[in-house]
Protein backbone atom coordinates (compact mmCIF):
# COMPACT_ATOMS: atom_id res chain seq x y z
CA MET A 1 3.43 -1.81 -24.33
CA PRO A 2 0.63 -2.01 -21.75
CA THR A 3 1.21 -4.21 -18.71
CA GLN A 4 -1.29 -6.63 -17.34
CA VAL A 5 -1.98 -4.11 -14.59
CA ASP A 6 -3.17 -1.67 -17.27
CA GLU A 7 -5.56 -4.37 -18.47
CA ILE A 8 -6.79 -4.91 -14.93
CA ARG A 9 -7.35 -1.17 -14.47
CA SER A 10 -9.50 -1.04 -17.56
CA ALA A 11 -11.30 -4.23 -16.59
CA VAL A 12 -14.63 -2.46 -16.26
CA THR A 13 -15.00 -2.00 -19.99
CA LEU A 14 -12.59 -4.44 -21.61
CA THR A 15 -12.88 -7.57 -19.47
CA PRO A 16 -13.97 -10.72 -21.23
CA ARG A 17 -16.90 -12.31 -19.47
CA ILE A 18 -17.51 -15.93 -18.66
CA GLY A 19 -20.59 -17.45 -17.09
CA VAL A 20 -20.38 -19.49 -13.91
CA THR A 21 -21.75 -22.57 -15.68
CA GLU A 22 -19.29 -22.21 -18.56
CA LEU A 23 -16.47 -21.88 -16.02
CA GLY A 24 -17.44 -25.23 -14.53
CA ARG A 25 -18.13 -27.05 -17.81
CA SER A 26 -15.23 -26.06 -20.05
CA THR A 27 -11.55 -25.16 -20.00
CA GLY A 28 -11.63 -22.59 -22.81
CA TRP A 29 -11.51 -19.81 -20.23
CA ARG A 30 -7.88 -20.74 -19.52
CA ASP A 31 -6.82 -19.53 -22.98
CA GLN A 32 -8.78 -16.31 -22.48
CA LEU A 33 -7.09 -15.81 -19.11
CA LYS A 34 -3.66 -16.19 -20.72
CA ASP A 35 -4.55 -13.54 -23.29
CA HIS A 36 -6.30 -11.03 -21.02
CA ALA A 37 -4.93 -11.58 -17.48
CA ILE A 38 -8.42 -11.09 -16.02
CA LEU A 39 -11.86 -12.57 -16.63
CA GLU A 40 -15.14 -11.33 -15.24
CA ILE A 41 -17.26 -14.14 -13.88
CA VAL A 42 -20.99 -13.51 -14.26
CA GLU A 43 -24.17 -15.24 -13.24
CA ARG A 44 -27.05 -13.98 -15.32
CA ALA A 45 -26.28 -10.25 -15.52
CA ASP A 46 -24.54 -9.94 -12.16
CA THR A 47 -20.79 -9.98 -11.66
CA VAL A 48 -19.91 -12.58 -9.05
CA GLY A 49 -16.14 -12.25 -9.22
CA TYR A 50 -13.00 -11.84 -11.24
CA LEU A 51 -10.43 -14.43 -12.16
CA ILE A 52 -6.90 -13.02 -12.40
CA SER A 53 -3.92 -14.86 -13.82
CA TYR A 54 -0.86 -15.48 -11.71
CA ARG A 55 1.23 -13.01 -13.73
CA GLY A 56 -1.57 -10.45 -13.58
CA MET A 57 -1.75 -10.77 -9.80
CA ILE A 58 2.03 -10.36 -9.46
CA ASP A 59 1.86 -7.21 -11.61
CA LEU A 60 -1.07 -5.91 -9.58
CA LEU A 61 0.75 -6.50 -6.29
CA ASP A 62 3.89 -4.81 -7.67
CA GLU A 63 1.81 -1.80 -8.69
CA MET A 64 0.16 -1.66 -5.26
CA GLU A 65 3.57 -1.82 -3.58
CA ALA A 66 4.85 1.02 -5.77
CA LEU A 67 1.80 3.13 -4.90
CA GLU A 68 2.25 2.44 -1.18
CA GLU A 69 5.91 3.41 -1.42
CA ALA A 70 5.00 6.65 -3.20
CA ALA A 71 2.42 7.40 -0.50
CA ASP A 72 5.00 6.72 2.22
CA GLN A 73 7.51 9.02 0.54
CA ALA A 74 4.91 11.77 0.24
CA SER A 75 4.01 11.33 3.91
CA VAL A 76 7.65 11.54 5.01
CA ALA A 77 8.20 14.59 2.79
CA ALA A 78 5.17 16.28 4.38
CA MET A 79 6.46 15.52 7.89
CA VAL A 80 9.90 16.88 7.02
CA GLU A 81 8.33 20.03 5.60
CA VAL A 82 6.19 20.58 8.68
CA ARG A 83 9.03 19.84 11.09
CA GLY A 84 11.50 21.82 9.03
CA SER A 85 10.09 25.04 10.40
CA ALA A 86 10.21 23.68 13.96
CA GLY A 87 13.94 24.16 14.26
CA HIS A 88 17.20 22.29 14.12
CA ALA A 89 16.94 18.48 13.97
CA LEU A 90 19.29 16.65 16.30
CA ALA A 91 21.23 13.49 15.58
CA GLY A 92 24.01 11.38 17.03
CA GLU A 93 25.74 12.57 20.18
CA GLU A 94 23.89 15.88 20.11
CA LEU A 95 20.57 13.99 20.25
CA ALA A 96 21.82 11.77 23.09
CA GLN A 97 22.93 14.80 25.13
CA GLU A 98 19.59 16.51 24.60
CA ALA A 99 17.75 13.36 25.70
CA ARG A 100 19.85 13.06 28.87
CA GLN A 101 19.25 16.73 29.66
CA ARG A 102 15.48 16.34 29.28
CA LEU A 103 15.49 13.22 31.49
CA ARG A 104 17.39 15.17 34.17
CA GLN A 105 14.85 18.00 33.94
CA ARG A 106 11.92 15.60 34.26
CA HIS A 107 13.57 13.85 37.18
CA ALA A 108 14.07 17.19 38.90
CA LYS A 109 10.45 18.18 38.35
CA MET A 110 9.17 14.84 39.66
CA SER A 111 11.48 15.02 42.67
CA GLU A 112 10.25 18.53 43.37
CA ALA A 113 6.62 17.45 43.11
CA LEU A 114 7.22 14.50 45.42
CA ASP A 115 9.47 16.58 47.72
CA VAL A 116 12.17 13.93 47.47
CA ASP A 117 15.93 14.44 47.12
């Protein structure tokens, strides 16, 4: 069963059209919106906008969120793959010890550069 998002995706060819004047003069478009989730608003032959039902917008936002999550997961997977060849990943106490060691090394280098004990 197609979702309202599927209808929105295919809006280019399947969207019912309503003129701007008809939108202002009648309420019949409300029934069309319930049936189709999206209406193309036209003035003469030009599209001036789209009217999306509340449920259609919720479905569209859910789909966008799912796509963003998939993109984030792919990005994290790519980072893990790239960093995987960089060596052992540290965590917990091992990470803390490594951080302290690097801070000591930087402090020593700065002290050396400034000639300060």
